[in-house]
Amino acid sequence: MAAVARARRPHPRCHSGSLLALCLVGLSVMSGAGARQRGWREGGQGREGCRRADALVEQAVTVGSGGDVRAAWRLLESALEHCPQHPSALGNLGYLNAIMGDRALARQQLEEALLGDPGLMEPWVNLGNIIKDEKEAANALDGASDNKEVWKDTWRFYRTALRISSRQVDITANIAGLHAMERDWEYAAHMATRSLGVEFTEEAFCALMKALKF
């Protein structure tokens, strides 16, 4: 689970006329199979520096859990000074820059994280969300769209994340939400129920409530 959790309201409010809010996946000590295969750690960056970066990422996740986003951001920047292509540092920094409003830099860092380790789940989800937001802005969407072309890039990222971690709560909730945006109510209900079986989230609950109306 993400170390910087999304706020939970005891009684979620689901607005029928607006797009569902799909969540970014927060700070975590990311692990994936791809890093060893890609050889980023041995790629001229120095093993000692990258080990130091590992420790700094863990510290960043810890302080981020306590709500000190700025301190976490500084620690992740320091991790990249020690190991410039560190996938987990890049992925977490991309998340922080996204929530702080710099989506262009966030997208660049998330893409770089996946170049280093395509086996990380979190950057795939967060890239999907950034692209979703860009599509909404470009198409001036103020409600759901059943035009699957609008969301095809977001789907590509989400499905990759789901293959990596099929029971992770954020990606299953987001997929339920995206099905609801497309008014694909049967699959929205299926994925929402599957997600709620892992953990209650507002995103999955709202997707299920919308699906049950149709």
C-alpha atoms as a PDB file:
ATOM      1  CA  MET A   1       0.000   0.000   0.000  1.00  0.00           C
ATOM      2  CA  ALA A   2       0.997   3.580  -0.492  1.00  0.00           C
ATOM      3  CA  ALA A   3       2.716   5.199   2.417  1.00  0.00           C
ATOM      4  CA  VAL A   4       1.051   8.533   1.737  1.00  0.00           C
ATOM      5  CA  ALA A   5      -2.551   7.438   1.927  1.00  0.00           C
ATOM      6  CA  ARG A   6      -5.520   9.013   0.233  1.00  0.00           C
ATOM      7  CA  ALA A   7      -7.985  10.699   2.577  1.00  0.00           C
ATOM      8  CA  ARG A   8     -10.927   8.473   3.442  1.00  0.00           C
ATOM      9  CA  ARG A   9     -14.308   9.976   4.205  1.00  0.00           C
ATOM     10  CA  PRO A  10     -16.603   7.888   6.437  1.00  0.00           C
ATOM     11  CA  HIS A  11     -19.534   8.513   4.076  1.00  0.00           C
ATOM     12  CA  PRO A  12     -18.268   8.834   0.501  1.00  0.00           C
ATOM     13  CA  ARG A  13     -20.128  11.289  -1.700  1.00  0.00           C
ATOM     14  CA  CYS A  14     -20.486  10.087  -5.270  1.00  0.00           C
ATOM     15  CA  HIS A  15     -21.584  12.740  -7.751  1.00  0.00           C
ATOM     16  CA  SER A  16     -23.436  11.298 -10.720  1.00  0.00           C
ATOM     17  CA  GLY A  17     -22.639  14.220 -13.009  1.00  0.00           C
ATOM     18  CA  SER A  18     -18.889  14.366 -12.666  1.00  0.00           C
ATOM     19  CA  LEU A  19     -15.909  12.260 -13.586  1.00  0.00           C
ATOM     20  CA  LEU A  20     -14.819   9.814 -10.945  1.00  0.00           C
ATOM     21  CA  ALA A  21     -11.574  10.801  -9.270  1.00  0.00           C
ATOM     22  CA  LEU A  22      -9.054   8.084 -10.007  1.00  0.00           C
ATOM     23  CA  CYS A  23      -6.262   8.003  -7.471  1.00  0.00           C
ATOM     24  CA  LEU A  24      -2.544   8.399  -7.879  1.00  0.00           C
ATOM     25  CA  VAL A  25      -0.549   5.681  -6.134  1.00  0.00           C
ATOM     26  CA  GLY A  26       1.517   7.260  -3.380  1.00  0.00           C
ATOM     27  CA  LEU A  27       4.975   6.845  -1.954  1.00  0.00           C
ATOM     28  CA  SER A  28       6.236   3.302  -1.563  1.00  0.00           C
ATOM     29  CA  VAL A  29       9.466   1.340  -1.526  1.00  0.00           C
ATOM     30  CA  MET A  30       8.928   0.049  -5.042  1.00  0.00           C
ATOM     31  CA  SER A  31      10.213  -3.302  -6.133  1.00  0.00           C
ATOM     32  CA  GLY A  32      10.100  -4.992  -9.496  1.00  0.00           C
ATOM     33  CA  ALA A  33      11.801  -7.680 -11.502  1.00  0.00           C
ATOM     34  CA  GLY A  34      13.036  -5.432 -14.267  1.00  0.00           C
ATOM     35  CA  ALA A  35      15.777  -3.528 -12.457  1.00  0.00           C
ATOM     36  CA  ARG A  36      18.198  -6.430 -12.376  1.00  0.00           C
ATOM     37  CA  GLN A  37      17.461  -7.263 -15.994  1.00  0.00           C
ATOM     38  CA  ARG A  38      18.012  -3.687 -17.159  1.00  0.00           C
ATOM     39  CA  GLY A  39      21.251  -3.414 -15.195  1.00  0.00           C
ATOM     40  CA  TRP A  40      20.656   0.195 -14.085  1.00  0.00           C
ATOM     41  CA  ARG A  41      22.463  -0.398 -10.818  1.00  0.00           C
ATOM     42  CA  GLU A  42      25.652  -1.547 -12.536  1.00  0.00           C
ATOM     43  CA  GLY A  43      25.355   0.831 -15.462  1.00  0.00           C
ATOM     44  CA  GLY A  44      28.250   3.086 -14.535  1.00  0.00           C
ATOM     45  CA  GLN A  45      26.387   4.721 -11.666  1.00  0.00           C
ATOM     46  CA  GLY A  46      28.320   3.029  -8.861  1.00  0.00           C
ATOM     47  CA  ARG A  47      26.940   0.308  -6.643  1.00  0.00           C
ATOM     48  CA  GLU A  48      27.769   2.165  -3.453  1.00  0.00           C
ATOM     49  CA  GLY A  49      25.921   5.280  -4.580  1.00  0.00           C
ATOM     50  CA  CYS A  50      22.865   3.261  -5.535  1.00  0.00           C
ATOM     51  CA  ARG A  51      22.876   1.461  -2.197  1.00  0.00           C
ATOM     52  CA  ARG A  52      22.906   4.868  -0.533  1.00  0.00           C
ATOM     53  CA  ALA A  53      19.992   5.873  -2.773  1.00  0.00           C
ATOM     54  CA  ASP A  54      18.062   2.770  -1.613  1.00  0.00           C
ATOM     55  CA  ALA A  55      18.384   3.972   1.978  1.00  0.00           C
ATOM     56  CA  LEU A  56      17.332   7.504   1.070  1.00  0.00           C
ATOM     57  CA  VAL A  57      14.223   6.240  -0.714  1.00  0.00           C
ATOM     58  CA  GLU A  58      13.246   4.291   2.402  1.00  0.00           C
ATOM     59  CA  GLN A  59      13.741   7.426   4.507  1.00  0.00           C
ATOM     60  CA  ALA A  60      11.640   9.434   2.052  1.00  0.00           C
ATOM     61  CA  VAL A  61       8.778   6.939   2.324  1.00  0.00           C
ATOM     62  CA  THR A  62       8.986   7.062   6.119  1.00  0.00           C
ATOM     63  CA  VAL A  63       8.868  10.863   6.383  1.00  0.00           C
ATOM     64  CA  GLY A  64       6.221  11.009   3.665  1.00  0.00           C
ATOM     65  CA  SER A  65       4.084   8.680   5.790  1.00  0.00           C
ATOM     66  CA  GLY A  66       4.232  11.330   8.477  1.00  0.00           C
ATOM     67  CA  GLY A  67       2.961  13.953   6.048  1.00  0.00           C
ATOM     68  CA  ASP A  68       6.203  15.840   5.405  1.00  0.00           C
ATOM     69  CA  VAL A  69       6.038  15.867   1.623  1.00  0.00           C
ATOM     70  CA  ARG A  70       8.757  18.499   1.209  1.00  0.00           C
ATOM     71  CA  ALA A  71      11.247  16.497   3.282  1.00  0.00           C
ATOM     72  CA  ALA A  72      10.402  13.372   1.271  1.00  0.00           C
ATOM     73  CA  TRP A  73      10.929  15.334  -1.958  1.00  0.00           C
ATOM     74  CA  ARG A  74      14.381  16.516  -0.786  1.00  0.00           C
ATOM     75  CA  LEU A  75      15.418  12.987   0.185  1.00  0.00           C
ATOM     76  CA  LEU A  76      14.392  11.637  -3.213  1.00  0.00           C
ATOM     77  CA  GLU A  77      16.318  14.405  -4.969  1.00  0.00           C
ATOM     78  CA  SER A  78      19.352  13.431  -2.889  1.00  0.00           C
ATOM     79  CA  ALA A  79      18.846   9.776  -3.854  1.00  0.00           C
ATOM     80  CA  LEU A  80      19.062  10.758  -7.523  1.00  0.00           C
ATOM     81  CA  GLU A  81      22.290  12.644  -6.885  1.00  0.00           C
ATOM     82  CA  HIS A  82      23.776   9.365  -5.657  1.00  0.00           C
ATOM     83  CA  CYS A  83      22.159   7.209  -8.354  1.00  0.00           C
ATOM     84  CA  PRO A  84      20.667   9.293 -11.206  1.00  0.00           C
ATOM     85  CA  GLN A  85      18.594   6.508 -12.797  1.00  0.00           C
ATOM     86  CA  HIS A  86      17.288   4.932  -9.589  1.00  0.00           C
ATOM     87  CA  PRO A  87      13.802   3.678 -10.643  1.00  0.00           C
ATOM     88  CA  SER A  88      12.133   3.828  -7.229  1.00  0.00           C
ATOM     89  CA  ALA A  89      13.461   7.322  -6.527  1.00  0.00           C
ATOM     90  CA  LEU A  90      12.258   8.500  -9.944  1.00  0.00           C
ATOM     91  CA  GLY A  91       8.865   6.839  -9.536  1.00  0.00           C
ATOM     92  CA  ASN A  92       8.261   8.303  -6.095  1.00  0.00           C
ATOM     93  CA  LEU A  93       9.510  11.731  -7.154  1.00  0.00           C
ATOM     94  CA  GLY A  94       7.179  11.593 -10.145  1.00  0.00           C
ATOM     95  CA  TYR A  95       4.283  10.928  -7.789  1.00  0.00           C
ATOM     96  CA  LEU A  96       5.218  13.861  -5.546  1.00  0.00           C
ATOM     97  CA  ASN A  97       5.615  16.244  -8.469  1.00  0.00           C
ATOM     98  CA  ALA A  98       2.204  15.128  -9.757  1.00  0.00           C
ATOM     99  CA  ILE A  99       0.444  15.917  -6.487  1.00  0.00           C
ATOM    100  CA  MET A 100       2.334  19.229  -6.285  1.00  0.00           C
ATOM    101  CA  GLY A 101       1.012  20.180  -9.713  1.00  0.00           C
ATOM    102  CA  ASP A 102       4.013  19.727 -12.036  1.00  0.00           C
ATOM    103  CA  ARG A 103       2.481  17.074 -14.267  1.00  0.00           C
ATOM    104  CA  ALA A 104       4.980  17.531 -17.112  1.00  0.00           C
ATOM    105  CA  LEU A 105       7.982  16.831 -14.881  1.00  0.00           C
ATOM    106  CA  ALA A 106       6.085  14.038 -13.160  1.00  0.00           C
ATOM    107  CA  ARG A 107       5.390  12.334 -16.488  1.00  0.00           C
ATOM    108  CA  GLN A 108       9.045  12.571 -17.492  1.00  0.00           C
ATOM    109  CA  GLN A 109      10.227  11.058 -14.197  1.00  0.00           C
ATOM    110  CA  LEU A 110       7.660   8.257 -14.269  1.00  0.00           C
ATOM    111  CA  GLU A 111       8.687   7.348 -17.813  1.00  0.00           C
ATOM    112  CA  GLU A 112      12.355   7.325 -16.761  1.00  0.00           C
ATOM    113  CA  ALA A 113      11.479   5.088 -13.801  1.00  0.00           C
ATOM    114  CA  LEU A 114       9.928   2.552 -16.169  1.00  0.00           C
ATOM    115  CA  LEU A 115      12.928   2.667 -18.471  1.00  0.00           C
ATOM    116  CA  GLY A 116      14.995   1.571 -15.478  1.00  0.00           C
ATOM    117  CA  ASP A 117      12.503  -1.002 -14.230  1.00  0.00           C
ATOM    118  CA  PRO A 118       9.360  -1.740 -16.280  1.00  0.00           C
ATOM    119  CA  GLY A 119       8.316  -4.200 -13.577  1.00  0.00           C
ATOM    120  CA  LEU A 120       7.259  -1.406 -11.207  1.00  0.00           C
ATOM    121  CA  MET A 121       3.482  -1.193 -10.857  1.00  0.00           C
ATOM    122  CA  GLU A 122       3.076   2.293  -9.368  1.00  0.00           C
ATOM    123  CA  PRO A 123       4.520   4.385 -12.242  1.00  0.00           C
ATOM    124  CA  TRP A 124       2.246   2.621 -14.734  1.00  0.00           C
ATOM    125  CA  VAL A 125      -0.827   3.616 -12.696  1.00  0.00           C
ATOM    126  CA  ASN A 126       0.329   7.176 -12.152  1.00  0.00           C
ATOM    127  CA  LEU A 127       1.215   7.679 -15.815  1.00  0.00           C
ATOM    128  CA  GLY A 128      -2.238   6.423 -16.717  1.00  0.00           C
ATOM    129  CA  ASN A 129      -3.791   8.985 -14.392  1.00  0.00           C
ATOM    130  CA  ILE A 130      -1.721  11.861 -15.751  1.00  0.00           C
ATOM    131  CA  ILE A 131      -2.694  10.940 -19.311  1.00  0.00           C
ATOM    132  CA  LYS A 132      -6.339  10.685 -18.218  1.00  0.00           C
ATOM    133  CA  ASP A 133      -6.181  14.216 -16.803  1.00  0.00           C
ATOM    134  CA  GLU A 134      -4.575  15.488 -20.012  1.00  0.00           C
ATOM    135  CA  LYS A 135      -7.317  13.855 -22.110  1.00  0.00           C
ATOM    136  CA  GLU A 136     -10.041  15.355 -19.915  1.00  0.00           C
ATOM    137  CA  ALA A 137      -8.531  18.824 -20.308  1.00  0.00           C
ATOM    138  CA  ALA A 138      -7.992  18.443 -24.062  1.00  0.00           C
ATOM    139  CA  ASN A 139     -11.542  17.218 -24.648  1.00  0.00           C
ATOM    140  CA  ALA A 140     -13.147  19.617 -22.134  1.00  0.00           C
ATOM    141  CA  LEU A 141     -14.883  16.666 -20.505  1.00  0.00           C
ATOM    142  CA  ASP A 142     -17.226  17.476 -17.637  1.00  0.00           C
ATOM    143  CA  GLY A 143     -18.756  14.025 -17.440  1.00  0.00           C
ATOM    144  CA  ALA A 144     -18.225  10.439 -18.470  1.00  0.00           C
ATOM    145  CA  SER A 145     -17.437   9.469 -22.027  1.00  0.00           C
ATOM    146  CA  ASP A 146     -18.245   6.121 -23.616  1.00  0.00           C
ATOM    147  CA  ASN A 147     -15.834   6.853 -26.473  1.00  0.00           C
ATOM    148  CA  LYS A 148     -13.164   4.247 -25.819  1.00  0.00           C
ATOM    149  CA  GLU A 149     -10.685   6.165 -27.998  1.00  0.00           C
ATOM    150  CA  VAL A 150     -10.570   8.876 -25.312  1.00  0.00           C
ATOM    151  CA  TRP A 151      -9.213   6.491 -22.706  1.00  0.00           C
ATOM    152  CA  LYS A 152      -7.201   3.998 -24.802  1.00  0.00           C
ATOM    153  CA  ASP A 153      -3.779   5.218 -23.593  1.00  0.00           C
ATOM    154  CA  THR A 154      -4.913   5.195 -19.971  1.00  0.00           C
ATOM    155  CA  TRP A 155      -6.190   1.650 -20.457  1.00  0.00           C
ATOM    156  CA  ARG A 156      -2.818   0.575 -21.837  1.00  0.00           C
ATOM    157  CA  PHE A 157      -1.028   1.753 -18.693  1.00  0.00           C
ATOM    158  CA  TYR A 158      -3.669   0.382 -16.319  1.00  0.00           C
ATOM    159  CA  ARG A 159      -3.683  -3.059 -17.907  1.00  0.00           C
ATOM    160  CA  THR A 160       0.103  -3.254 -17.665  1.00  0.00           C
ATOM    161  CA  ALA A 161      -0.119  -2.361 -13.972  1.00  0.00           C
ATOM    162  CA  LEU A 162      -2.829  -4.981 -13.433  1.00  0.00           C
ATOM    163  CA  ARG A 163      -0.654  -7.678 -15.008  1.00  0.00           C
ATOM    164  CA  ILE A 164       2.111  -6.768 -12.562  1.00  0.00           C
ATOM    165  CA  SER A 165      -0.128  -6.678  -9.476  1.00  0.00           C
ATOM    166  CA  SER A 166      -3.576  -8.143 -10.042  1.00  0.00           C
ATOM    167  CA  ARG A 167      -4.896  -7.564  -6.500  1.00  0.00           C
ATOM    168  CA  GLN A 168      -3.406  -4.164  -5.678  1.00  0.00           C
ATOM    169  CA  VAL A 169      -6.250  -2.000  -4.394  1.00  0.00           C
ATOM    170  CA  ASP A 170      -5.499   1.252  -6.224  1.00  0.00           C
ATOM    171  CA  ILE A 171      -5.223  -0.228  -9.712  1.00  0.00           C
ATOM    172  CA  THR A 172      -8.334  -2.406  -9.313  1.00  0.00           C
ATOM    173  CA  ALA A 173     -10.293   0.613  -8.015  1.00  0.00           C
ATOM    174  CA  ASN A 174      -9.061   2.799 -10.867  1.00  0.00           C
ATOM    175  CA  ILE A 175     -10.007   0.215 -13.482  1.00  0.00           C
ATOM    176  CA  ALA A 176     -13.494   0.015 -11.955  1.00  0.00           C
ATOM    177  CA  GLY A 177     -13.702   3.797 -12.168  1.00  0.00           C
ATOM    178  CA  LEU A 178     -12.591   3.874 -15.783  1.00  0.00           C
ATOM    179  CA  HIS A 179     -15.177   1.249 -16.725  1.00  0.00           C
ATOM    180  CA  ALA A 180     -17.778   3.492 -15.065  1.00  0.00           C
ATOM    181  CA  MET A 181     -16.541   6.507 -17.039  1.00  0.00           C
ATOM    182  CA  GLU A 182     -17.112   4.496 -20.214  1.00  0.00           C
ATOM    183  CA  ARG A 183     -20.557   3.483 -18.896  1.00  0.00           C
ATOM    184  CA  ASP A 184     -19.502  -0.157 -19.033  1.00  0.00           C
ATOM    185  CA  TRP A 185     -21.559  -0.919 -15.953  1.00  0.00           C
ATOM    186  CA  GLU A 186     -21.195  -4.712 -15.815  1.00  0.00           C
ATOM    187  CA  TYR A 187     -17.405  -4.580 -15.763  1.00  0.00           C
ATOM    188  CA  ALA A 188     -17.419  -1.539 -13.467  1.00  0.00           C
ATOM    189  CA  ALA A 189     -19.422  -3.521 -10.918  1.00  0.00           C
ATOM    190  CA  HIS A 190     -17.186  -6.571 -11.327  1.00  0.00           C
ATOM    191  CA  MET A 191     -13.935  -4.669 -10.811  1.00  0.00           C
ATOM    192  CA  ALA A 192     -15.362  -2.538  -7.994  1.00  0.00           C
ATOM    193  CA  THR A 193     -16.482  -5.645  -6.130  1.00  0.00           C
ATOM    194  CA  ARG A 194     -13.090  -7.237  -6.711  1.00  0.00           C
ATOM    195  CA  SER A 195     -11.335  -4.119  -5.417  1.00  0.00           C
ATOM    196  CA  LEU A 196     -13.572  -3.785  -2.359  1.00  0.00           C
ATOM    197  CA  GLY A 197     -12.744  -7.399  -1.537  1.00  0.00           C
ATOM    198  CA  VAL A 198      -9.139  -6.296  -1.060  1.00  0.00           C
ATOM    199  CA  GLU A 199      -9.808  -3.036   0.792  1.00  0.00           C
ATOM    200  CA  PHE A 200     -12.515  -0.394   0.974  1.00  0.00           C
ATOM    201  CA  THR A 201     -11.761   2.693  -1.120  1.00  0.00           C
ATOM    202  CA  GLU A 202     -13.971   5.597  -2.071  1.00  0.00           C
ATOM    203  CA  GLU A 203     -13.062   5.149  -5.740  1.00  0.00           C
ATOM    204  CA  ALA A 204     -14.297   1.550  -5.883  1.00  0.00           C
ATOM    205  CA  PHE A 205     -17.363   2.290  -3.767  1.00  0.00           C
ATOM    206  CA  CYS A 206     -18.453   5.146  -6.025  1.00  0.00           C
ATOM    207  CA  ALA A 207     -17.866   3.076  -9.163  1.00  0.00           C
ATOM    208  CA  LEU A 208     -20.048   0.308  -7.701  1.00  0.00           C
ATOM    209  CA  MET A 209     -22.824   2.732  -6.686  1.00  0.00           C
ATOM    210  CA  LYS A 210     -22.879   4.218 -10.191  1.00  0.00           C
ATOM    211  CA  ALA A 211     -22.968   0.753 -11.784  1.00  0.00           C
ATOM    212  CA  LEU A 212     -25.856  -0.414  -9.602  1.00  0.00           C
ATOM    213  CA  LYS A 213     -28.041   2.460 -10.832  1.00  0.00           C
ATOM    214  CA  PHE A 214     -28.046   1.049 -14.351  1.00  0.00           C
END
